[in-house]
All heavy atoms as atom14 arrays in JSON, in Angstrom:
{
  "sequence": "DGQWYLHLFDVTQPDLNWDHPEVRAEFLDILRFWLDRGV",
  "atom14_mask": [
    [1, 1, 1, 1, 1, 1, 1, 1, 0, 0, 0, 0, 0, 0],
    [1, 1, 1, 1, 0, 0, 0, 0, 0, 0, 0, 0, 0, 0],
    [1, 1, 1, 1, 1, 1, 1, 1, 1, 0, 0, 0, 0, 0],
    [1, 1, 1, 1, 1, 1, 1, 1, 1, 1, 1, 1, 1, 1],
    [1, 1, 1, 1, 1, 1, 1, 1, 1, 1, 1, 1, 0, 0],
    [1, 1, 1, 1, 1, 1, 1, 1, 0, 0, 0, 0, 0, 0],
    [1, 1, 1, 1, 1, 1, 1, 1, 1, 1, 0, 0, 0, 0],
    [1, 1, 1, 1, 1, 1, 1, 1, 0, 0, 0, 0, 0, 0],
    [1, 1, 1, 1, 1, 1, 1, 1, 1, 1, 1, 0, 0, 0],
    [1, 1, 1, 1, 1, 1, 1, 1, 0, 0, 0, 0, 0, 0],
    [1, 1, 1, 1, 1, 1, 1, 0, 0, 0, 0, 0, 0, 0],
    [1, 1, 1, 1, 1, 1, 1, 0, 0, 0, 0, 0, 0, 0],
    [1, 1, 1, 1, 1, 1, 1, 1, 1, 0, 0, 0, 0, 0],
    [1, 1, 1, 1, 1, 1, 1, 0, 0, 0, 0, 0, 0, 0],
    [1, 1, 1, 1, 1, 1, 1, 1, 0, 0, 0, 0, 0, 0],
    [1, 1, 1, 1, 1, 1, 1, 1, 0, 0, 0, 0, 0, 0],
    [1, 1, 1, 1, 1, 1, 1, 1, 0, 0, 0, 0, 0, 0],
    [1, 1, 1, 1, 1, 1, 1, 1, 1, 1, 1, 1, 1, 1],
    [1, 1, 1, 1, 1, 1, 1, 1, 0, 0, 0, 0, 0, 0],
    [1, 1, 1, 1, 1, 1, 1, 1, 1, 1, 0, 0, 0, 0],
    [1, 1, 1, 1, 1, 1, 1, 0, 0, 0, 0, 0, 0, 0],
    [1, 1, 1, 1, 1, 1, 1, 1, 1, 0, 0, 0, 0, 0],
    [1, 1, 1, 1, 1, 1, 1, 0, 0, 0, 0, 0, 0, 0],
    [1, 1, 1, 1, 1, 1, 1, 1, 1, 1, 1, 0, 0, 0],
    [1, 1, 1, 1, 1, 0, 0, 0, 0, 0, 0, 0, 0, 0],
    [1, 1, 1, 1, 1, 1, 1, 1, 1, 0, 0, 0, 0, 0],
    [1, 1, 1, 1, 1, 1, 1, 1, 1, 1, 1, 0, 0, 0],
    [1, 1, 1, 1, 1, 1, 1, 1, 0, 0, 0, 0, 0, 0],
    [1, 1, 1, 1, 1, 1, 1, 1, 0, 0, 0, 0, 0, 0],
    [1, 1, 1, 1, 1, 1, 1, 1, 0, 0, 0, 0, 0, 0],
    [1, 1, 1, 1, 1, 1, 1, 1, 0, 0, 0, 0, 0, 0],
    [1, 1, 1, 1, 1, 1, 1, 1, 1, 1, 1, 0, 0, 0],
    [1, 1, 1, 1, 1, 1, 1, 1, 1, 1, 1, 0, 0, 0],
    [1, 1, 1, 1, 1, 1, 1, 1, 1, 1, 1, 1, 1, 1],
    [1, 1, 1, 1, 1, 1, 1, 1, 0, 0, 0, 0, 0, 0],
    [1, 1, 1, 1, 1, 1, 1, 1, 0, 0, 0, 0, 0, 0],
    [1, 1, 1, 1, 1, 1, 1, 1, 1, 1, 1, 0, 0, 0],
    [1, 1, 1, 1, 0, 0, 0, 0, 0, 0, 0, 0, 0, 0],
    [1, 1, 1, 1, 1, 1, 1, 0, 0, 0, 0, 0, 0, 0]
  ],
  "atom14_positions": [
    [[186.3, 224.26, -55.63], [185.46, 223.06, -55.49], [185.68, 222.35, -54.16], [185.13, 221.27, -53.94], [185.69, 222.09, -56.65], [187.15, 221.69, -56.81], [187.83, 221.42, -55.79], [187.64, 221.65, -57.96], [0.0, 0.0, 0.0], [0.0, 0.0, 0.0], [0.0, 0.0, 0.0], [0.0, 0.0, 0.0], [0.0, 0.0, 0.0], [0.0, 0.0, 0.0]],
    [[186.5, 222.93, -53.29], [186.66, 222.38, -51.95], [187.92, 221.59, -51.71], [188.3, 221.37, -50.55], [0.0, 0.0, 0.0], [0.0, 0.0, 0.0], [0.0, 0.0, 0.0], [0.0, 0.0, 0.0], [0.0, 0.0, 0.0], [0.0, 0.0, 0.0], [0.0, 0.0, 0.0], [0.0, 0.0, 0.0], [0.0, 0.0, 0.0], [0.0, 0.0, 0.0]],
    [[188.59, 221.12, -52.76], [189.84, 220.38, -52.56], [190.98, 221.34, -52.19], [190.89, 222.55, -52.37], [190.2, 219.57, -53.81], [189.44, 218.26, -53.93], [190.18, 217.25, -54.8], [190.69, 217.57, -55.87], [190.23, 216.0, -54.33], [0.0, 0.0, 0.0], [0.0, 0.0, 0.0], [0.0, 0.0, 0.0], [0.0, 0.0, 0.0], [0.0, 0.0, 0.0]],
    [[192.06, 220.74, -51.69], [193.23, 221.48, -51.26], [194.46, 220.97, -52.04], [194.56, 219.77, -52.31], [193.48, 221.3, -49.76], [192.35, 221.74, -48.87], [191.14, 221.13, -48.72], [192.34, 222.87, -48.01], [190.36, 221.8, -47.82], [191.08, 222.89, -47.35], [193.26, 223.88, -47.71], [190.73, 223.86, -46.43], [192.91, 224.85, -46.78], [191.67, 224.84, -46.15]],
    [[195.37, 221.89, -52.37], [196.62, 221.45, -53.0], [197.82, 221.91, -52.17], [197.75, 222.91, -51.45], [196.73, 221.95, -54.45], [196.87, 223.45, -54.61], [198.12, 224.08, -54.54], [195.76, 224.24, -54.86], [198.25, 225.45, -54.7], [195.88, 225.62, -55.03], [197.13, 226.21, -54.96], [197.25, 227.58, -55.11], [0.0, 0.0, 0.0], [0.0, 0.0, 0.0]],
    [[198.91, 221.16, -52.3], [200.13, 221.44, -51.57], [200.98, 222.47, -52.3], [201.19, 222.36, -53.52], [200.94, 220.15, -51.39], [202.29, 220.29, -50.66], [202.08, 220.66, -49.19], [203.1, 219.0, -50.78], [0.0, 0.0, 0.0], [0.0, 0.0, 0.0], [0.0, 0.0, 0.0], [0.0, 0.0, 0.0], [0.0, 0.0, 0.0], [0.0, 0.0, 0.0]],
    [[201.5, 223.43, -51.57], [202.47, 224.39, -52.12], [203.49, 224.66, -51.01], [203.22, 225.38, -50.07], [201.8, 225.68, -52.59], [201.08, 226.43, -51.5], [201.69, 227.44, -50.77], [199.83, 226.31, -51.01], [200.82, 227.91, -49.89], [199.69, 227.24, -50.0], [0.0, 0.0, 0.0], [0.0, 0.0, 0.0], [0.0, 0.0, 0.0], [0.0, 0.0, 0.0]],
    [[204.65, 224.08, -51.11], [205.67, 224.29, -50.09], [206.26, 225.69, -50.15], [206.96, 226.1, -49.22], [206.77, 223.24, -50.22], [206.38, 221.83, -49.79], [207.55, 220.87, -50.01], [205.91, 221.78, -48.34], [0.0, 0.0, 0.0], [0.0, 0.0, 0.0], [0.0, 0.0, 0.0], [0.0, 0.0, 0.0], [0.0, 0.0, 0.0], [0.0, 0.0, 0.0]],
    [[205.97, 226.41, -51.22], [206.44, 227.79, -51.34], [205.21, 228.69, -51.47], [204.28, 228.57, -50.69], [207.44, 227.9, -52.49], [208.72, 227.14, -52.21], [208.81, 225.77, -52.5], [209.79, 227.76, -51.61], [209.96, 225.07, -52.2], [210.95, 227.05, -51.29], [211.03, 225.7, -51.58], [0.0, 0.0, 0.0], [0.0, 0.0, 0.0], [0.0, 0.0, 0.0]],
    [[205.19, 229.57, -52.42], [204.06, 230.5, -52.52], [202.8, 229.76, -52.98], [202.87, 228.71, -53.63], [204.41, 231.61, -53.51], [203.4, 232.74, -53.51], [203.21, 233.36, -52.45], [202.78, 232.98, -54.56], [0.0, 0.0, 0.0], [0.0, 0.0, 0.0], [0.0, 0.0, 0.0], [0.0, 0.0, 0.0], [0.0, 0.0, 0.0], [0.0, 0.0, 0.0]],
    [[201.64, 230.34, -52.69], [200.37, 229.74, -53.08], [200.26, 229.63, -54.59], [199.51, 228.79, -55.12], [199.19, 230.57, -52.5], [199.12, 231.94, -53.15], [197.87, 229.83, -52.62], [0.0, 0.0, 0.0], [0.0, 0.0, 0.0], [0.0, 0.0, 0.0], [0.0, 0.0, 0.0], [0.0, 0.0, 0.0], [0.0, 0.0, 0.0], [0.0, 0.0, 0.0]],
    [[201.01, 230.43, -55.34], [201.02, 230.37, -56.8], [202.02, 229.35, -57.34], [202.27, 229.32, -58.55], [201.35, 231.75, -57.39], [202.68, 232.13, -57.0], [200.37, 232.8, -56.92], [0.0, 0.0, 0.0], [0.0, 0.0, 0.0], [0.0, 0.0, 0.0], [0.0, 0.0, 0.0], [0.0, 0.0, 0.0], [0.0, 0.0, 0.0], [0.0, 0.0, 0.0]],
    [[202.58, 228.51, -56.45], [203.57, 227.51, -56.85], [203.15, 226.12, -56.38], [203.71, 225.56, -55.42], [204.94, 227.88, -56.27], [205.51, 229.18, -56.84], [206.71, 229.69, -56.05], [206.59, 230.02, -54.88], [207.85, 229.75, -56.7], [0.0, 0.0, 0.0], [0.0, 0.0, 0.0], [0.0, 0.0, 0.0], [0.0, 0.0, 0.0], [0.0, 0.0, 0.0]],
    [[202.15, 225.5, -57.02], [201.69, 224.17, -56.61], [202.76, 223.1, -56.83], [203.38, 223.05, -57.9], [200.47, 223.93, -57.5], [200.7, 224.8, -58.71], [201.4, 226.02, -58.19], [0.0, 0.0, 0.0], [0.0, 0.0, 0.0], [0.0, 0.0, 0.0], [0.0, 0.0, 0.0], [0.0, 0.0, 0.0], [0.0, 0.0, 0.0], [0.0, 0.0, 0.0]],
    [[202.96, 222.26, -55.82], [203.95, 221.19, -55.92], [203.48, 220.11, -56.89], [202.3, 219.71, -56.88], [204.2, 220.56, -54.55], [205.12, 221.4, -53.7], [204.87, 222.62, -53.57], [206.08, 220.84, -53.14], [0.0, 0.0, 0.0], [0.0, 0.0, 0.0], [0.0, 0.0, 0.0], [0.0, 0.0, 0.0], [0.0, 0.0, 0.0], [0.0, 0.0, 0.0]],
    [[204.42, 219.62, -57.7], [204.14, 218.52, -58.61], [204.16, 217.19, -57.86], [204.82, 217.04, -56.83], [205.17, 218.49, -59.74], [205.01, 219.59, -60.8], [206.31, 219.76, -61.59], [203.85, 219.28, -61.73], [0.0, 0.0, 0.0], [0.0, 0.0, 0.0], [0.0, 0.0, 0.0], [0.0, 0.0, 0.0], [0.0, 0.0, 0.0], [0.0, 0.0, 0.0]],
    [[203.45, 216.21, -58.42], [203.43, 214.85, -57.89], [204.45, 214.02, -58.66], [204.18, 213.54, -59.77], [202.03, 214.26, -58.04], [201.99, 212.78, -57.68], [202.9, 212.27, -57.01], [200.96, 212.09, -58.13], [0.0, 0.0, 0.0], [0.0, 0.0, 0.0], [0.0, 0.0, 0.0], [0.0, 0.0, 0.0], [0.0, 0.0, 0.0], [0.0, 0.0, 0.0]],
    [[205.63, 213.83, -58.06], [206.7, 213.15, -58.76], [206.56, 211.63, -58.76], [207.4, 210.92, -59.3], [208.06, 213.58, -58.2], [208.53, 214.81, -58.91], [208.28, 216.1, -58.61], [209.32, 214.83, -60.11], [208.84, 216.94, -59.53], [209.49, 216.19, -60.46], [209.87, 213.85, -60.91], [210.21, 216.57, -61.59], [210.6, 214.23, -62.03], [210.76, 215.58, -62.36]],
    [[205.47, 211.12, -58.21], [205.15, 209.7, -58.37], [204.39, 209.45, -59.67], [204.15, 208.3, -60.04], [204.28, 209.22, -57.19], [205.07, 209.17, -55.89], [206.28, 208.9, -55.95], [204.47, 209.43, -54.83], [0.0, 0.0, 0.0], [0.0, 0.0, 0.0], [0.0, 0.0, 0.0], [0.0, 0.0, 0.0], [0.0, 0.0, 0.0], [0.0, 0.0, 0.0]],
    [[204.03, 210.52, -60.37], [203.24, 210.41, -61.6], [204.18, 210.26, -62.8], [205.08, 211.08, -63.01], [202.38, 211.66, -61.77], [201.25, 211.48, -62.72], [201.42, 211.21, -64.06], [199.89, 211.53, -62.54], [200.25, 211.1, -64.66], [199.3, 211.3, -63.75], [0.0, 0.0, 0.0], [0.0, 0.0, 0.0], [0.0, 0.0, 0.0], [0.0, 0.0, 0.0]],
    [[203.98, 209.23, -63.62], [204.89, 209.02, -64.76], [204.9, 210.16, -65.76], [205.92, 210.42, -66.4], [204.37, 207.72, -65.4], [202.99, 207.54, -64.87], [202.96, 208.17, -63.52], [0.0, 0.0, 0.0], [0.0, 0.0, 0.0], [0.0, 0.0, 0.0], [0.0, 0.0, 0.0], [0.0, 0.0, 0.0], [0.0, 0.0, 0.0], [0.0, 0.0, 0.0]],
    [[203.78, 210.88, -65.92], [203.76, 212.0, -66.86], [204.68, 213.12, -66.41], [205.3, 213.8, -67.23], [202.33, 212.53, -67.03], [201.43, 211.63, -67.86], [200.09, 212.28, -68.12], [200.03, 213.53, -68.23], [199.08, 211.56, -68.2], [0.0, 0.0, 0.0], [0.0, 0.0, 0.0], [0.0, 0.0, 0.0], [0.0, 0.0, 0.0], [0.0, 0.0, 0.0]],
    [[204.76, 213.33, -65.09], [205.65, 214.37, -64.57], [207.1, 214.01, -64.88], [207.88, 214.84, -65.36], [205.43, 214.56, -63.06], [206.48, 215.51, -62.48], [204.03, 215.08, -62.78], [0.0, 0.0, 0.0], [0.0, 0.0, 0.0], [0.0, 0.0, 0.0], [0.0, 0.0, 0.0], [0.0, 0.0, 0.0], [0.0, 0.0, 0.0], [0.0, 0.0, 0.0]],
    [[207.45, 212.76, -64.63], [208.84, 212.33, -64.9], [209.18, 212.42, -66.38], [210.25, 212.89, -66.75], [209.03, 210.91, -64.37], [208.84, 210.81, -62.87], [209.44, 209.57, -62.29], [209.27, 209.55, -60.83], [210.06, 208.9, -60.0], [211.1, 208.24, -60.46], [209.84, 208.92, -58.7], [0.0, 0.0, 0.0], [0.0, 0.0, 0.0], [0.0, 0.0, 0.0]],
    [[208.25, 212.0, -67.23], [208.51, 212.05, -68.67], [208.62, 213.49, -69.16], [209.44, 213.81, -70.02], [207.4, 211.32, -69.41], [0.0, 0.0, 0.0], [0.0, 0.0, 0.0], [0.0, 0.0, 0.0], [0.0, 0.0, 0.0], [0.0, 0.0, 0.0], [0.0, 0.0, 0.0], [0.0, 0.0, 0.0], [0.0, 0.0, 0.0], [0.0, 0.0, 0.0]],
    [[207.78, 214.37, -68.61], [207.8, 215.77, -69.02], [209.16, 216.41, -68.75], [209.71, 217.12, -69.61], [206.7, 216.54, -68.28], [206.73, 218.05, -68.46], [206.32, 218.53, -69.83], [206.05, 217.67, -70.71], [206.26, 219.75, -70.05], [0.0, 0.0, 0.0], [0.0, 0.0, 0.0], [0.0, 0.0, 0.0], [0.0, 0.0, 0.0], [0.0, 0.0, 0.0]],
    [[209.74, 216.15, -67.6], [211.01, 216.79, -67.28], [212.18, 216.16, -68.03], [213.16, 216.86, -68.33], [211.23, 216.84, -65.77], [210.56, 218.03, -65.15], [209.23, 217.96, -64.78], [211.23, 219.23, -65.0], [208.58, 219.07, -64.24], [210.6, 220.34, -64.48], [209.27, 220.27, -64.08], [0.0, 0.0, 0.0], [0.0, 0.0, 0.0], [0.0, 0.0, 0.0]],
    [[212.09, 214.91, -68.38], [213.12, 214.34, -69.24], [213.1, 215.04, -70.6], [214.15, 215.33, -71.19], [212.89, 212.84, -69.42], [213.13, 211.97, -68.19], [212.74, 210.52, -68.48], [214.6, 212.04, -67.75], [0.0, 0.0, 0.0], [0.0, 0.0, 0.0], [0.0, 0.0, 0.0], [0.0, 0.0, 0.0], [0.0, 0.0, 0.0], [0.0, 0.0, 0.0]],
    [[211.91, 215.36, -71.07], [211.79, 216.05, -72.35], [212.3, 217.49, -72.24], [212.94, 218.01, -73.16], [210.33, 216.04, -72.81], [210.19, 216.53, -74.24], [210.58, 215.79, -75.16], [209.71, 217.67, -74.43], [0.0, 0.0, 0.0], [0.0, 0.0, 0.0], [0.0, 0.0, 0.0], [0.0, 0.0, 0.0], [0.0, 0.0, 0.0], [0.0, 0.0, 0.0]],
    [[212.02, 218.13, -71.1], [212.52, 219.5, -70.88], [214.05, 219.51, -70.85], [214.69, 220.4, -71.43], [211.94, 220.09, -69.58], [210.43, 220.33, -69.74], [212.64, 221.39, -69.2], [209.72, 220.61, -68.43], [0.0, 0.0, 0.0], [0.0, 0.0, 0.0], [0.0, 0.0, 0.0], [0.0, 0.0, 0.0], [0.0, 0.0, 0.0], [0.0, 0.0, 0.0]],
    [[214.64, 218.54, -70.18], [216.1, 218.43, -70.18], [216.63, 218.36, -71.61], [217.55, 219.1, -71.99], [216.54, 217.19, -69.41], [216.36, 217.15, -67.9], [216.71, 215.77, -67.38], [217.21, 218.21, -67.21], [0.0, 0.0, 0.0], [0.0, 0.0, 0.0], [0.0, 0.0, 0.0], [0.0, 0.0, 0.0], [0.0, 0.0, 0.0], [0.0, 0.0, 0.0]],
    [[216.05, 217.49, -72.41], [216.54, 217.31, -73.78], [216.32, 218.57, -74.61], [217.15, 218.91, -75.47], [215.84, 216.1, -74.42], [216.19, 214.77, -73.77], [215.62, 213.6, -74.56], [215.92, 212.33, -73.93], [215.08, 211.65, -73.15], [213.84, 212.13, -72.94], [215.43, 210.5, -72.6], [0.0, 0.0, 0.0], [0.0, 0.0, 0.0], [0.0, 0.0, 0.0]],
    [[215.22, 219.27, -74.37], [214.94, 220.5, -75.12], [216.09, 221.48, -74.97], [216.57, 222.05, -75.97], [213.63, 221.12, -74.62], [213.27, 222.42, -75.28], [212.56, 222.44, -76.47], [213.65, 223.64, -74.71], [212.24, 223.65, -77.09], [213.32, 224.85, -75.32], [212.62, 224.86, -76.51], [0.0, 0.0, 0.0], [0.0, 0.0, 0.0], [0.0, 0.0, 0.0]],
    [[216.55, 221.71, -73.74], [217.61, 222.7, -73.52], [218.99, 222.14, -73.83], [219.88, 222.87, -74.31], [217.53, 223.24, -72.09], [216.34, 224.14, -71.94], [215.16, 223.86, -71.32], [216.2, 225.46, -72.48], [214.29, 224.92, -71.43], [214.9, 225.91, -72.13], [217.03, 226.3, -73.21], [214.43, 227.18, -72.5], [216.57, 227.56, -73.57], [215.28, 227.99, -73.22]],
    [[219.2, 220.85, -73.6], [220.48, 220.24, -73.98], [220.68, 220.33, -75.49], [221.79, 220.61, -75.98], [220.54, 218.79, -73.51], [220.63, 218.58, -72.0], [220.37, 217.13, -71.65], [222.0, 219.02, -71.47], [0.0, 0.0, 0.0], [0.0, 0.0, 0.0], [0.0, 0.0, 0.0], [0.0, 0.0, 0.0], [0.0, 0.0, 0.0], [0.0, 0.0, 0.0]],
    [[219.61, 220.09, -76.24], [219.71, 220.17, -77.7], [219.97, 221.59, -78.17], [220.51, 221.8, -79.27], [218.43, 219.64, -78.35], [218.26, 218.13, -78.2], [219.25, 217.45, -77.87], [217.12, 217.64, -78.38], [0.0, 0.0, 0.0], [0.0, 0.0, 0.0], [0.0, 0.0, 0.0], [0.0, 0.0, 0.0], [0.0, 0.0, 0.0], [0.0, 0.0, 0.0]],
    [[219.63, 222.59, -77.36], [219.9, 223.98, -77.71], [221.31, 224.39, -77.27], [221.71, 225.54, -77.48], [218.86, 224.91, -77.1], [217.44, 224.61, -77.53], [216.48, 225.7, -77.13], [216.33, 226.7, -78.18], [215.47, 226.61, -79.21], [214.69, 225.56, -79.3], [215.41, 227.56, -80.11], [0.0, 0.0, 0.0], [0.0, 0.0, 0.0], [0.0, 0.0, 0.0]],
    [[222.02, 223.5, -76.59], [223.44, 223.74, -76.31], [223.79, 224.09, -74.89], [224.97, 224.4, -74.62], [0.0, 0.0, 0.0], [0.0, 0.0, 0.0], [0.0, 0.0, 0.0], [0.0, 0.0, 0.0], [0.0, 0.0, 0.0], [0.0, 0.0, 0.0], [0.0, 0.0, 0.0], [0.0, 0.0, 0.0], [0.0, 0.0, 0.0], [0.0, 0.0, 0.0]],
    [[222.83, 224.08, -73.94], [223.23, 224.42, -72.58], [224.16, 223.35, -72.03], [224.12, 222.18, -72.42], [222.01, 224.61, -71.65], [221.06, 225.65, -72.2], [221.31, 223.3, -71.36], [0.0, 0.0, 0.0], [0.0, 0.0, 0.0], [0.0, 0.0, 0.0], [0.0, 0.0, 0.0], [0.0, 0.0, 0.0], [0.0, 0.0, 0.0], [0.0, 0.0, 0.0]]
  ]
}
């Protein structure tokens, strides 16, 4: 559609926007998911 996205690594690795609250909340949940499994 003409827009461009940032990928500091491979084109298949789009950078996340860490100013977005959903991104921050998502990774807090990911941390808890694996911590609860015992890592």
